[in-house]
Amino acid sequence: MWYFTWVLGLGLAVGFGILNGIWHEFHLPTGETAPDEVERPRP
């Protein structure tokens, strides 16, 4: 029965990776703002 947890864990990891990729696509800077207007992390 160990394979159920293995398949479940693998499915969750793949799902997390897909959601992370989708989130990254929606948070990329688009060409609508000038490069100096892009927020940069402050030290």
N, C-alpha and C. Protein backbone atom coordinates (compact mmCIF):
# COMPACT_ATOMS: atom_id res chain seq x y z
N MET A 1 0.82 -1.20 0.00
CA MET A 1 0.00 0.00 0.00
C MET A 1 0.86 1.27 0.00
N TRP A 2 2.16 1.13 0.06
CA TRP A 2 3.04 2.29 0.06
C TRP A 2 2.91 3.09 -1.22
N TYR A 3 2.51 2.42 -2.30
CA TYR A 3 2.44 3.10 -3.60
C TYR A 3 1.34 4.14 -3.63
N PHE A 4 0.31 4.00 -2.79
CA PHE A 4 -0.74 5.03 -2.75
C PHE A 4 -0.16 6.36 -2.25
N THR A 5 0.64 6.29 -1.21
CA THR A 5 1.23 7.54 -0.70
C THR A 5 2.25 8.09 -1.69
N TRP A 6 2.95 7.21 -2.38
CA TRP A 6 3.93 7.65 -3.37
C TRP A 6 3.23 8.36 -4.52
N VAL A 7 2.15 7.77 -5.05
CA VAL A 7 1.41 8.38 -6.16
C VAL A 7 0.76 9.68 -5.69
N LEU A 8 0.21 9.70 -4.48
CA LEU A 8 -0.41 10.91 -3.97
C LEU A 8 0.63 12.02 -3.81
N GLY A 9 1.78 11.69 -3.26
CA GLY A 9 2.84 12.69 -3.10
C GLY A 9 3.36 13.19 -4.43
N LEU A 10 3.51 12.29 -5.38
CA LEU A 10 3.96 12.70 -6.71
C LEU A 10 2.93 13.61 -7.38
N GLY A 11 1.66 13.26 -7.25
CA GLY A 11 0.60 14.10 -7.81
C GLY A 11 0.56 15.48 -7.19
N LEU A 12 0.73 15.54 -5.87
CA LEU A 12 0.75 16.84 -5.20
C LEU A 12 1.95 17.67 -5.62
N ALA A 13 3.10 17.03 -5.78
CA ALA A 13 4.30 17.75 -6.20
C ALA A 13 4.14 18.29 -7.62
N VAL A 14 3.57 17.49 -8.51
CA VAL A 14 3.35 17.94 -9.89
C VAL A 14 2.32 19.08 -9.90
N GLY A 15 1.25 18.93 -9.13
CA GLY A 15 0.24 19.98 -9.05
C GLY A 15 0.81 21.28 -8.51
N PHE A 16 1.66 21.17 -7.50
CA PHE A 16 2.30 22.37 -6.94
C PHE A 16 3.21 23.02 -7.98
N GLY A 17 3.93 22.23 -8.73
CA GLY A 17 4.80 22.77 -9.77
C GLY A 17 4.01 23.49 -10.86
N ILE A 18 2.88 22.91 -11.24
CA ILE A 18 2.04 23.53 -12.27
C ILE A 18 1.47 24.85 -11.75
N LEU A 19 0.94 24.83 -10.52
CA LEU A 19 0.40 26.07 -9.95
C LEU A 19 1.47 27.13 -9.78
N ASN A 20 2.66 26.72 -9.41
CA ASN A 20 3.77 27.66 -9.28
C ASN A 20 4.11 28.28 -10.63
N GLY A 21 4.10 27.50 -11.69
CA GLY A 21 4.36 28.02 -13.03
C GLY A 21 3.29 28.99 -13.48
N ILE A 22 2.03 28.67 -13.19
CA ILE A 22 0.93 29.56 -13.55
C ILE A 22 1.04 30.87 -12.79
N TRP A 23 1.35 30.78 -11.48
CA TRP A 23 1.51 32.00 -10.67
C TRP A 23 2.64 32.86 -11.23
N HIS A 24 3.72 32.21 -11.61
CA HIS A 24 4.87 32.94 -12.14
C HIS A 24 4.51 33.65 -13.45
N GLU A 25 3.73 32.99 -14.30
CA GLU A 25 3.33 33.60 -15.57
C GLU A 25 2.48 34.85 -15.34
N PHE A 26 1.62 34.83 -14.33
CA PHE A 26 0.75 35.97 -14.07
C PHE A 26 1.46 37.11 -13.34
N HIS A 27 2.62 36.83 -12.76
CA HIS A 27 3.34 37.87 -12.03
C HIS A 27 4.59 38.36 -12.76
N LEU A 28 4.76 37.98 -14.00
CA LEU A 28 5.87 38.50 -14.78
C LEU A 28 5.57 39.93 -15.21
N PRO A 29 6.55 40.80 -15.25
CA PRO A 29 6.29 42.15 -15.74
C PRO A 29 5.99 42.10 -17.24
N THR A 30 4.94 42.78 -17.64
CA THR A 30 4.58 42.82 -19.06
C THR A 30 5.27 44.01 -19.71
N GLY A 31 5.08 44.19 -20.99
CA GLY A 31 5.70 45.30 -21.70
C GLY A 31 5.00 46.62 -21.48
N GLU A 32 3.97 46.65 -20.61
CA GLU A 32 3.19 47.86 -20.42
C GLU A 32 3.91 48.90 -19.58
N THR A 33 4.86 48.49 -18.75
CA THR A 33 5.55 49.45 -17.89
C THR A 33 6.99 49.61 -18.36
N ALA A 34 7.51 50.79 -18.13
CA ALA A 34 8.91 51.04 -18.48
C ALA A 34 9.81 50.26 -17.52
N PRO A 35 11.02 49.91 -17.95
CA PRO A 35 11.90 49.12 -17.07
C PRO A 35 12.21 49.80 -15.74
N ASP A 36 12.22 51.18 -15.69
CA ASP A 36 12.53 51.82 -14.40
C ASP A 36 11.34 51.79 -13.46
N GLU A 37 10.13 51.50 -13.99
CA GLU A 37 8.95 51.47 -13.14
C GLU A 37 8.73 50.10 -12.50
N VAL A 38 9.50 49.12 -12.91
CA VAL A 38 9.34 47.79 -12.35
C VAL A 38 9.85 47.80 -10.92
N GLU A 39 9.02 47.25 -10.01
CA GLU A 39 9.42 47.24 -8.60
C GLU A 39 10.61 46.32 -8.40
N ARG A 40 11.58 46.82 -7.69
CA ARG A 40 12.76 46.01 -7.37
C ARG A 40 12.81 45.82 -5.86
N PRO A 41 13.27 44.67 -5.42
CA PRO A 41 13.36 44.47 -3.97
C PRO A 41 14.39 45.41 -3.35
N ARG A 42 14.06 45.93 -2.21
CA ARG A 42 14.96 46.84 -1.51
C ARG A 42 15.86 46.05 -0.58
N PRO A 43 17.11 46.44 -0.48
CA PRO A 43 18.02 45.68 0.41
C PRO A 43 17.71 45.91 1.88
